[in-house]
Amino acid sequence: MTLIQAIIIAIVEGLTEFLPVSSTGHMIIAQHLLGAPDDEFTKIFIITTQFAAILSVVLLYWKRFFQSIDFYFKLFVAFIPAVVLGLLLEDWIDSLLESVTVVAATLLIGGVVLIFIDKYLNPKDEAEVTYPKALKIGLFQCLAMVPGVSRSAATIIGGMTQGLTRKQAAEFSFFLAVPTMFGASTLKLYKGLKNSPDVFTSDNISILIIGNIVAFVVAVIAIKGFIAILTKYGFKAFGYYRIILGAVLLLLIWQGVNLTITD
């Protein structure tokens, strides 16, 4: 992976991390269009830049992030399903990170779901996040292990099924992302250092650091805009975008178009 490829992919991550359009899916698409390799370092880069973007939540919501012990226990309960399934399905998840077809299909299907969400799930009054509700939101989050599903969309929809408003569900989704992506990044780096230490060259480490900084800065700029759009307009626009992008990608794949621009 070159520095330019890394910066572009990191910008894509920062812009899409909090949108219900799948940041992982968009990074995979960007990776293939840019001709970045399907190697272990690229997979590490994709996971760790997501955590860097998530850290923008700590910066922007730091007063609310440091809440009661009860709040952290609820986050922990919501985090558990991702830990269990993430460890059990790690190799399968890694294999999906190489597939643009999977991303295209899940983008399209998820878009259809988003279009109908506001019609059937749109609570107006705030509700308390209880422990059972937190666990159920955590189960929804596991759907995002399939690239293209969108962790943000899955957890926000999960929150809305539990009676949370759009804003409540989005903010709980943001908070939940911190331990989730920290765990995923830590595990990925540990496995990388253990099984493929040769990928951590000085150049790759520099690329990783720069990419993480770029993703963080862009996410800080993007997150407030997403909350405003979601609260005012809901999910439909994102749903149509996902359907169009997914359909175009599937059509290109069906036509035998090579989505890798460079070799």
C-alpha atoms as a PDB file:
ATOM      1  CA  MET A   1       0.000   0.000   0.000  1.00  0.00           C
ATOM      2  CA  THR A   2       1.316   3.428  -0.948  1.00  0.00           C
ATOM      3  CA  LEU A   3       0.965   6.545   1.181  1.00  0.00           C
ATOM      4  CA  ILE A   4      -1.469   8.123  -1.306  1.00  0.00           C
ATOM      5  CA  GLN A   5      -3.642   4.983  -1.286  1.00  0.00           C
ATOM      6  CA  ALA A   6      -3.600   4.982   2.518  1.00  0.00           C
ATOM      7  CA  ILE A   7      -4.615   8.649   2.773  1.00  0.00           C
ATOM      8  CA  ILE A   8      -7.511   8.232   0.327  1.00  0.00           C
ATOM      9  CA  ILE A   9      -8.770   5.097   2.111  1.00  0.00           C
ATOM     10  CA  ALA A  10      -8.458   6.873   5.484  1.00  0.00           C
ATOM     11  CA  ILE A  11     -10.485   9.840   4.180  1.00  0.00           C
ATOM     12  CA  VAL A  12     -13.171   7.415   2.992  1.00  0.00           C
ATOM     13  CA  GLU A  13     -13.181   5.839   6.466  1.00  0.00           C
ATOM     14  CA  GLY A  14     -13.503   9.155   8.276  1.00  0.00           C
ATOM     15  CA  LEU A  15     -16.375  10.272   6.060  1.00  0.00           C
ATOM     16  CA  THR A  16     -18.339   7.025   6.283  1.00  0.00           C
ATOM     17  CA  GLU A  17     -17.651   5.595   9.764  1.00  0.00           C
ATOM     18  CA  PHE A  18     -20.746   7.127  11.339  1.00  0.00           C
ATOM     19  CA  LEU A  19     -22.985   6.939   8.283  1.00  0.00           C
ATOM     20  CA  PRO A  20     -25.256   3.874   7.838  1.00  0.00           C
ATOM     21  CA  VAL A  21     -23.518   3.032   4.567  1.00  0.00           C
ATOM     22  CA  SER A  22     -20.713   0.724   5.820  1.00  0.00           C
ATOM     23  CA  SER A  23     -17.277   2.286   6.236  1.00  0.00           C
ATOM     24  CA  THR A  24     -15.637  -1.143   5.869  1.00  0.00           C
ATOM     25  CA  GLY A  25     -17.469  -1.721   2.610  1.00  0.00           C
ATOM     26  CA  HIS A  26     -16.413   1.662   1.262  1.00  0.00           C
ATOM     27  CA  MET A  27     -12.791   1.101   2.261  1.00  0.00           C
ATOM     28  CA  ILE A  28     -12.801  -2.279   0.507  1.00  0.00           C
ATOM     29  CA  ILE A  29     -14.255  -0.658  -2.603  1.00  0.00           C
ATOM     30  CA  ALA A  30     -11.665   2.144  -2.436  1.00  0.00           C
ATOM     31  CA  GLN A  31      -8.902  -0.410  -1.866  1.00  0.00           C
ATOM     32  CA  HIS A  32      -9.840  -2.347  -4.992  1.00  0.00           C
ATOM     33  CA  LEU A  33     -10.364   0.744  -7.153  1.00  0.00           C
ATOM     34  CA  LEU A  34      -6.979   2.099  -6.098  1.00  0.00           C
ATOM     35  CA  GLY A  35      -5.289  -1.247  -6.669  1.00  0.00           C
ATOM     36  CA  ALA A  36      -4.112  -1.600  -3.057  1.00  0.00           C
ATOM     37  CA  PRO A  37      -3.045  -5.186  -2.299  1.00  0.00           C
ATOM     38  CA  ASP A  38      -5.207  -7.782  -0.522  1.00  0.00           C
ATOM     39  CA  ASP A  39      -2.522  -8.497   2.060  1.00  0.00           C
ATOM     40  CA  GLU A  40      -2.307  -8.708   5.834  1.00  0.00           C
ATOM     41  CA  PHE A  41      -1.152  -5.105   6.229  1.00  0.00           C
ATOM     42  CA  THR A  42      -4.153  -3.772   4.293  1.00  0.00           C
ATOM     43  CA  LYS A  43      -6.514  -5.714   6.559  1.00  0.00           C
ATOM     44  CA  ILE A  44      -4.736  -4.327   9.628  1.00  0.00           C
ATOM     45  CA  PHE A  45      -4.939  -0.822   8.160  1.00  0.00           C
ATOM     46  CA  ILE A  46      -8.692  -1.109   7.520  1.00  0.00           C
ATOM     47  CA  ILE A  47      -9.437  -2.247  11.080  1.00  0.00           C
ATOM     48  CA  THR A  48      -7.158   0.202  12.913  1.00  0.00           C
ATOM     49  CA  THR A  49      -8.265   3.283  10.952  1.00  0.00           C
ATOM     50  CA  GLN A  50     -11.825   2.480  11.998  1.00  0.00           C
ATOM     51  CA  PHE A  51     -10.749   2.687  15.635  1.00  0.00           C
ATOM     52  CA  ALA A  52      -8.956   5.977  14.949  1.00  0.00           C
ATOM     53  CA  ALA A  53     -12.145   7.416  13.481  1.00  0.00           C
ATOM     54  CA  ILE A  54     -14.156   6.137  16.441  1.00  0.00           C
ATOM     55  CA  LEU A  55     -11.875   8.038  18.826  1.00  0.00           C
ATOM     56  CA  SER A  56     -13.473  11.237  17.527  1.00  0.00           C
ATOM     57  CA  VAL A  57     -16.445  10.255  19.719  1.00  0.00           C
ATOM     58  CA  VAL A  58     -14.267  10.524  22.829  1.00  0.00           C
ATOM     59  CA  LEU A  59     -13.098  13.988  21.762  1.00  0.00           C
ATOM     60  CA  LEU A  60     -16.520  15.373  20.829  1.00  0.00           C
ATOM     61  CA  TYR A  61     -18.604  13.657  23.512  1.00  0.00           C
ATOM     62  CA  TRP A  62     -16.047  13.472  26.309  1.00  0.00           C
ATOM     63  CA  LYS A  63     -18.374  14.960  28.937  1.00  0.00           C
ATOM     64  CA  ARG A  64     -21.090  12.419  28.143  1.00  0.00           C
ATOM     65  CA  PHE A  65     -18.630   9.590  27.625  1.00  0.00           C
ATOM     66  CA  PHE A  66     -17.465   9.792  31.232  1.00  0.00           C
ATOM     67  CA  GLN A  67     -20.807   8.906  32.763  1.00  0.00           C
ATOM     68  CA  SER A  68     -21.894   6.623  35.589  1.00  0.00           C
ATOM     69  CA  ILE A  69     -20.491   3.146  36.210  1.00  0.00           C
ATOM     70  CA  ASP A  70     -23.921   1.803  35.248  1.00  0.00           C
ATOM     71  CA  PHE A  71     -23.459   3.291  31.751  1.00  0.00           C
ATOM     72  CA  TYR A  72     -20.154   1.432  31.294  1.00  0.00           C
ATOM     73  CA  PHE A  73     -21.666  -1.842  32.456  1.00  0.00           C
ATOM     74  CA  LYS A  74     -24.388  -1.443  29.833  1.00  0.00           C
ATOM     75  CA  LEU A  75     -21.750  -0.779  27.159  1.00  0.00           C
ATOM     76  CA  PHE A  76     -19.905  -3.896  28.329  1.00  0.00           C
ATOM     77  CA  VAL A  77     -23.061  -6.007  28.054  1.00  0.00           C
ATOM     78  CA  ALA A  78     -23.656  -4.688  24.526  1.00  0.00           C
ATOM     79  CA  PHE A  79     -20.003  -5.370  23.679  1.00  0.00           C
ATOM     80  CA  ILE A  80     -20.015  -9.056  24.725  1.00  0.00           C
ATOM     81  CA  PRO A  81     -21.741 -10.562  21.621  1.00  0.00           C
ATOM     82  CA  ALA A  82     -19.160  -8.960  19.302  1.00  0.00           C
ATOM     83  CA  VAL A  83     -16.311 -10.345  21.403  1.00  0.00           C
ATOM     84  CA  VAL A  84     -17.645 -13.896  21.337  1.00  0.00           C
ATOM     85  CA  LEU A  85     -18.575 -13.998  17.652  1.00  0.00           C
ATOM     86  CA  GLY A  86     -15.521 -11.983  16.612  1.00  0.00           C
ATOM     87  CA  LEU A  87     -13.175 -14.550  18.147  1.00  0.00           C
ATOM     88  CA  LEU A  88     -15.133 -17.488  16.754  1.00  0.00           C
ATOM     89  CA  LEU A  89     -15.527 -16.119  13.223  1.00  0.00           C
ATOM     90  CA  GLU A  90     -12.309 -14.129  12.762  1.00  0.00           C
ATOM     91  CA  ASP A  91     -10.978 -16.158   9.819  1.00  0.00           C
ATOM     92  CA  TRP A  92     -14.357 -16.107   8.062  1.00  0.00           C
ATOM     93  CA  ILE A  93     -14.631 -12.340   8.559  1.00  0.00           C
ATOM     94  CA  ASP A  94     -11.112 -11.881   7.150  1.00  0.00           C
ATOM     95  CA  SER A  95     -12.057 -13.836   4.021  1.00  0.00           C
ATOM     96  CA  LEU A  96     -15.049 -11.538   3.447  1.00  0.00           C
ATOM     97  CA  LEU A  97     -12.777  -8.472   3.574  1.00  0.00           C
ATOM     98  CA  GLU A  98     -11.456  -9.547   0.167  1.00  0.00           C
ATOM     99  CA  SER A  99     -14.847  -9.675  -1.578  1.00  0.00           C
ATOM    100  CA  VAL A 100     -16.335  -6.685  -3.403  1.00  0.00           C
ATOM    101  CA  THR A 101     -19.285  -8.907  -4.387  1.00  0.00           C
ATOM    102  CA  VAL A 102     -20.251  -9.436  -0.735  1.00  0.00           C
ATOM    103  CA  VAL A 103     -19.995  -5.698  -0.115  1.00  0.00           C
ATOM    104  CA  ALA A 104     -22.150  -4.875  -3.165  1.00  0.00           C
ATOM    105  CA  ALA A 105     -24.879  -7.351  -2.190  1.00  0.00           C
ATOM    106  CA  THR A 106     -25.067  -6.244   1.443  1.00  0.00           C
ATOM    107  CA  LEU A 107     -25.063  -2.570   0.450  1.00  0.00           C
ATOM    108  CA  LEU A 108     -28.088  -3.163  -1.764  1.00  0.00           C
ATOM    109  CA  ILE A 109     -30.011  -5.292   0.738  1.00  0.00           C
ATOM    110  CA  GLY A 110     -29.211  -2.918   3.585  1.00  0.00           C
ATOM    111  CA  GLY A 111     -30.404   0.016   1.494  1.00  0.00           C
ATOM    112  CA  VAL A 112     -33.814  -1.563   1.054  1.00  0.00           C
ATOM    113  CA  VAL A 113     -34.034  -2.083   4.821  1.00  0.00           C
ATOM    114  CA  LEU A 114     -33.112   1.539   5.560  1.00  0.00           C
ATOM    115  CA  ILE A 115     -35.824   2.906   3.285  1.00  0.00           C
ATOM    116  CA  PHE A 116     -38.527   1.207   5.358  1.00  0.00           C
ATOM    117  CA  ILE A 117     -36.985   1.774   8.804  1.00  0.00           C
ATOM    118  CA  ASP A 118     -38.462   5.217   9.385  1.00  0.00           C
ATOM    119  CA  LYS A 119     -41.939   3.954   8.490  1.00  0.00           C
ATOM    120  CA  TYR A 120     -41.952   1.129  11.022  1.00  0.00           C
ATOM    121  CA  LEU A 121     -39.372   2.261  13.600  1.00  0.00           C
ATOM    122  CA  ASN A 122     -39.400   5.933  14.546  1.00  0.00           C
ATOM    123  CA  PRO A 123     -39.884   6.427  18.310  1.00  0.00           C
ATOM    124  CA  LYS A 124     -40.517  10.064  19.255  1.00  0.00           C
ATOM    125  CA  ASP A 125     -39.907   9.928  23.012  1.00  0.00           C
ATOM    126  CA  GLU A 126     -36.622   8.998  24.658  1.00  0.00           C
ATOM    127  CA  ALA A 127     -36.428   5.647  26.455  1.00  0.00           C
ATOM    128  CA  GLU A 128     -34.025   4.274  29.035  1.00  0.00           C
ATOM    129  CA  VAL A 129     -31.258   1.949  27.849  1.00  0.00           C
ATOM    130  CA  THR A 130     -31.703  -1.085  30.120  1.00  0.00           C
ATOM    131  CA  TYR A 131     -29.385  -4.091  30.320  1.00  0.00           C
ATOM    132  CA  PRO A 132     -31.647  -6.331  28.184  1.00  0.00           C
ATOM    133  CA  LYS A 133     -31.911  -3.569  25.592  1.00  0.00           C
ATOM    134  CA  ALA A 134     -28.126  -3.114  25.607  1.00  0.00           C
ATOM    135  CA  LEU A 135     -27.631  -6.843  24.976  1.00  0.00           C
ATOM    136  CA  LYS A 136     -30.078  -6.811  22.072  1.00  0.00           C
ATOM    137  CA  ILE A 137     -28.317  -3.805  20.516  1.00  0.00           C
ATOM    138  CA  GLY A 138     -25.063  -5.734  20.882  1.00  0.00           C
ATOM    139  CA  LEU A 139     -26.578  -8.667  19.000  1.00  0.00           C
ATOM    140  CA  PHE A 140     -27.582  -6.317  16.183  1.00  0.00           C
ATOM    141  CA  GLN A 141     -24.003  -5.059  16.073  1.00  0.00           C
ATOM    142  CA  CYS A 142     -22.805  -8.566  15.200  1.00  0.00           C
ATOM    143  CA  LEU A 143     -24.573  -8.284  11.833  1.00  0.00           C
ATOM    144  CA  ALA A 144     -21.924  -5.742  10.870  1.00  0.00           C
ATOM    145  CA  MET A 145     -19.233  -8.420  10.897  1.00  0.00           C
ATOM    146  CA  VAL A 146     -20.300  -8.969   7.293  1.00  0.00           C
ATOM    147  CA  PRO A 147     -18.656  -6.168   5.253  1.00  0.00           C
ATOM    148  CA  GLY A 148     -21.207  -3.818   3.745  1.00  0.00           C
ATOM    149  CA  VAL A 149     -23.814  -4.233   6.489  1.00  0.00           C
ATOM    150  CA  SER A 150     -22.656  -1.130   8.444  1.00  0.00           C
ATOM    151  CA  ARG A 151     -21.992  -1.289  12.169  1.00  0.00           C
ATOM    152  CA  SER A 152     -23.542   2.140  12.569  1.00  0.00           C
ATOM    153  CA  ALA A 153     -26.759   1.154  10.766  1.00  0.00           C
ATOM    154  CA  ALA A 154     -27.045  -2.180  12.577  1.00  0.00           C
ATOM    155  CA  THR A 155     -26.665  -0.701  16.061  1.00  0.00           C
ATOM    156  CA  ILE A 156     -28.838   2.353  15.387  1.00  0.00           C
ATOM    157  CA  ILE A 157     -31.611   0.148  14.024  1.00  0.00           C
ATOM    158  CA  GLY A 158     -31.082  -2.177  16.983  1.00  0.00           C
ATOM    159  CA  GLY A 159     -31.527   0.773  19.338  1.00  0.00           C
ATOM    160  CA  MET A 160     -34.667   1.932  17.561  1.00  0.00           C
ATOM    161  CA  THR A 161     -36.196  -1.547  17.858  1.00  0.00           C
ATOM    162  CA  GLN A 162     -35.733  -1.091  21.613  1.00  0.00           C
ATOM    163  CA  GLY A 163     -37.670   2.171  21.673  1.00  0.00           C
ATOM    164  CA  LEU A 164     -34.742   4.619  21.442  1.00  0.00           C
ATOM    165  CA  THR A 165     -35.076   7.760  19.334  1.00  0.00           C
ATOM    166  CA  ARG A 166     -32.839   8.206  16.276  1.00  0.00           C
ATOM    167  CA  LYS A 167     -30.511  10.517  18.203  1.00  0.00           C
ATOM    168  CA  GLN A 168     -30.407   8.257  21.283  1.00  0.00           C
ATOM    169  CA  ALA A 169     -29.716   5.187  19.162  1.00  0.00           C
ATOM    170  CA  ALA A 170     -27.016   6.971  17.151  1.00  0.00           C
ATOM    171  CA  GLU A 171     -25.211   8.225  20.243  1.00  0.00           C
ATOM    172  CA  PHE A 172     -25.323   4.817  21.973  1.00  0.00           C
ATOM    173  CA  SER A 173     -23.996   3.342  18.722  1.00  0.00           C
ATOM    174  CA  PHE A 174     -21.090   5.796  18.801  1.00  0.00           C
ATOM    175  CA  PHE A 175     -20.232   4.984  22.413  1.00  0.00           C
ATOM    176  CA  LEU A 176     -20.477   1.243  21.799  1.00  0.00           C
ATOM    177  CA  ALA A 177     -18.088   1.556  18.861  1.00  0.00           C
ATOM    178  CA  VAL A 178     -15.215   2.596  21.143  1.00  0.00           C
ATOM    179  CA  PRO A 179     -14.733  -0.715  23.047  1.00  0.00           C
ATOM    180  CA  THR A 180     -15.787  -2.729  19.986  1.00  0.00           C
ATOM    181  CA  MET A 181     -13.237  -1.236  17.605  1.00  0.00           C
ATOM    182  CA  PHE A 182     -10.575  -1.054  20.326  1.00  0.00           C
ATOM    183  CA  GLY A 183     -10.967  -4.798  20.826  1.00  0.00           C
ATOM    184  CA  ALA A 184     -10.962  -5.519  17.093  1.00  0.00           C
ATOM    185  CA  SER A 185      -7.888  -3.336  16.504  1.00  0.00           C
ATOM    186  CA  THR A 186      -5.969  -4.795  19.435  1.00  0.00           C
ATOM    187  CA  LEU A 187      -6.712  -8.355  18.312  1.00  0.00           C
ATOM    188  CA  LYS A 188      -5.775  -7.577  14.706  1.00  0.00           C
ATOM    189  CA  LEU A 189      -2.487  -5.934  15.690  1.00  0.00           C
ATOM    190  CA  TYR A 190      -1.642  -8.796  18.066  1.00  0.00           C
ATOM    191  CA  LYS A 191      -2.338 -11.419  15.406  1.00  0.00           C
ATOM    192  CA  GLY A 192      -0.383  -9.384  12.866  1.00  0.00           C
ATOM    193  CA  LEU A 193       2.652  -9.056  15.131  1.00  0.00           C
ATOM    194  CA  LYS A 194       2.481 -12.742  15.994  1.00  0.00           C
ATOM    195  CA  ASN A 195       1.844 -14.253  12.554  1.00  0.00           C
ATOM    196  CA  SER A 196       3.128 -11.645  10.092  1.00  0.00           C
ATOM    197  CA  PRO A 197       5.732  -9.472  11.864  1.00  0.00           C
ATOM    198  CA  ASP A 198       7.448  -8.797   8.530  1.00  0.00           C
ATOM    199  CA  VAL A 199       4.587  -6.496   7.439  1.00  0.00           C
ATOM    200  CA  PHE A 200       5.516  -3.983  10.140  1.00  0.00           C
ATOM    201  CA  THR A 201       8.281  -2.303   8.202  1.00  0.00           C
ATOM    202  CA  SER A 202       9.230   1.293   8.981  1.00  0.00           C
ATOM    203  CA  ASP A 203       7.378   2.446   5.853  1.00  0.00           C
ATOM    204  CA  ASN A 204       4.222   0.517   6.769  1.00  0.00           C
ATOM    205  CA  ILE A 205       4.287   1.822  10.344  1.00  0.00           C
ATOM    206  CA  SER A 206       4.533   5.397   9.003  1.00  0.00           C
ATOM    207  CA  ILE A 207       1.613   4.720   6.639  1.00  0.00           C
ATOM    208  CA  LEU A 208      -0.420   3.269   9.517  1.00  0.00           C
ATOM    209  CA  ILE A 209       0.216   6.305  11.737  1.00  0.00           C
ATOM    210  CA  ILE A 210      -0.586   8.833   9.007  1.00  0.00           C
ATOM    211  CA  GLY A 211      -3.708   6.922   7.960  1.00  0.00           C
ATOM    212  CA  ASN A 212      -4.983   6.831  11.529  1.00  0.00           C
ATOM    213  CA  ILE A 213      -4.437  10.564  11.980  1.00  0.00           C
ATOM    214  CA  VAL A 214      -6.249  11.356   8.723  1.00  0.00           C
ATOM    215  CA  ALA A 215      -9.211   9.101   9.610  1.00  0.00           C
ATOM    216  CA  PHE A 216      -9.498  10.714  13.051  1.00  0.00           C
ATOM    217  CA  VAL A 217      -9.443  14.310  11.755  1.00  0.00           C
ATOM    218  CA  VAL A 218     -11.968  13.639   8.966  1.00  0.00           C
ATOM    219  CA  ALA A 219     -14.293  11.782  11.377  1.00  0.00           C
ATOM    220  CA  VAL A 220     -14.249  14.741  13.803  1.00  0.00           C
ATOM    221  CA  ILE A 221     -15.504  16.937  10.959  1.00  0.00           C
ATOM    222  CA  ALA A 222     -18.094  14.427   9.696  1.00  0.00           C
ATOM    223  CA  ILE A 223     -19.781  13.164  12.871  1.00  0.00           C
ATOM    224  CA  LYS A 224     -21.745  16.293  13.787  1.00  0.00           C
ATOM    225  CA  GLY A 225     -23.124  16.575  10.270  1.00  0.00           C
ATOM    226  CA  PHE A 226     -24.385  13.007  10.370  1.00  0.00           C
ATOM    227  CA  ILE A 227     -26.267  13.513  13.643  1.00  0.00           C
ATOM    228  CA  ALA A 228     -27.981  16.594  12.211  1.00  0.00           C
ATOM    229  CA  ILE A 229     -28.965  14.831   8.972  1.00  0.00           C
ATOM    230  CA  LEU A 230     -30.181  11.671  10.726  1.00  0.00           C
ATOM    231  CA  THR A 231     -32.242  13.575  13.296  1.00  0.00           C
ATOM    232  CA  LYS A 232     -33.918  15.764  10.673  1.00  0.00           C
ATOM    233  CA  TYR A 233     -34.277  13.495   7.632  1.00  0.00           C
ATOM    234  CA  GLY A 234     -33.940   9.883   8.793  1.00  0.00           C
ATOM    235  CA  PHE A 235     -32.542   6.972   6.797  1.00  0.00           C
ATOM    236  CA  LYS A 236     -34.154   7.158   3.359  1.00  0.00           C
ATOM    237  CA  ALA A 237     -31.430   9.131   1.577  1.00  0.00           C
ATOM    238  CA  PHE A 238     -28.798   6.711   2.858  1.00  0.00           C
ATOM    239  CA  GLY A 239     -30.956   3.784   1.775  1.00  0.00           C
ATOM    240  CA  TYR A 240     -31.252   5.056  -1.805  1.00  0.00           C
ATOM    241  CA  TYR A 241     -27.520   5.732  -1.925  1.00  0.00           C
ATOM    242  CA  ARG A 242     -26.731   2.190  -0.797  1.00  0.00           C
ATOM    243  CA  ILE A 243     -29.114   0.670  -3.350  1.00  0.00           C
ATOM    244  CA  ILE A 244     -27.644   2.678  -6.227  1.00  0.00           C
ATOM    245  CA  LEU A 245     -24.025   1.946  -5.257  1.00  0.00           C
ATOM    246  CA  GLY A 246     -24.701  -1.752  -4.627  1.00  0.00           C
ATOM    247  CA  ALA A 247     -26.603  -2.150  -7.896  1.00  0.00           C
ATOM    248  CA  VAL A 248     -23.876  -0.407  -9.912  1.00  0.00           C
ATOM    249  CA  LEU A 249     -21.175  -2.601  -8.372  1.00  0.00           C
ATOM    250  CA  LEU A 250     -23.139  -5.809  -8.969  1.00  0.00           C
ATOM    251  CA  LEU A 251     -23.779  -4.771 -12.575  1.00  0.00           C
ATOM    252  CA  LEU A 252     -20.078  -4.100 -13.128  1.00  0.00           C
ATOM    253  CA  ILE A 253     -19.149  -7.445 -11.559  1.00  0.00           C
ATOM    254  CA  TRP A 254     -21.800  -9.240 -13.654  1.00  0.00           C
ATOM    255  CA  GLN A 255     -20.389  -7.587 -16.777  1.00  0.00           C
ATOM    256  CA  GLY A 256     -16.948  -8.912 -15.865  1.00  0.00           C
ATOM    257  CA  VAL A 257     -15.448  -5.478 -15.207  1.00  0.00           C
ATOM    258  CA  ASN A 258     -12.182  -5.592 -13.261  1.00  0.00           C
ATOM    259  CA  LEU A 259     -12.703  -3.214 -10.332  1.00  0.00           C
ATOM    260  CA  THR A 260      -8.991  -2.956  -9.757  1.00  0.00           C
ATOM    261  CA  ILE A 261      -7.705   0.073 -11.659  1.00  0.00           C
ATOM    262  CA  THR A 262      -4.028  -0.734 -11.222  1.00  0.00           C
ATOM    263  CA  ASP A 263      -2.156  -3.995 -10.900  1.00  0.00           C
END
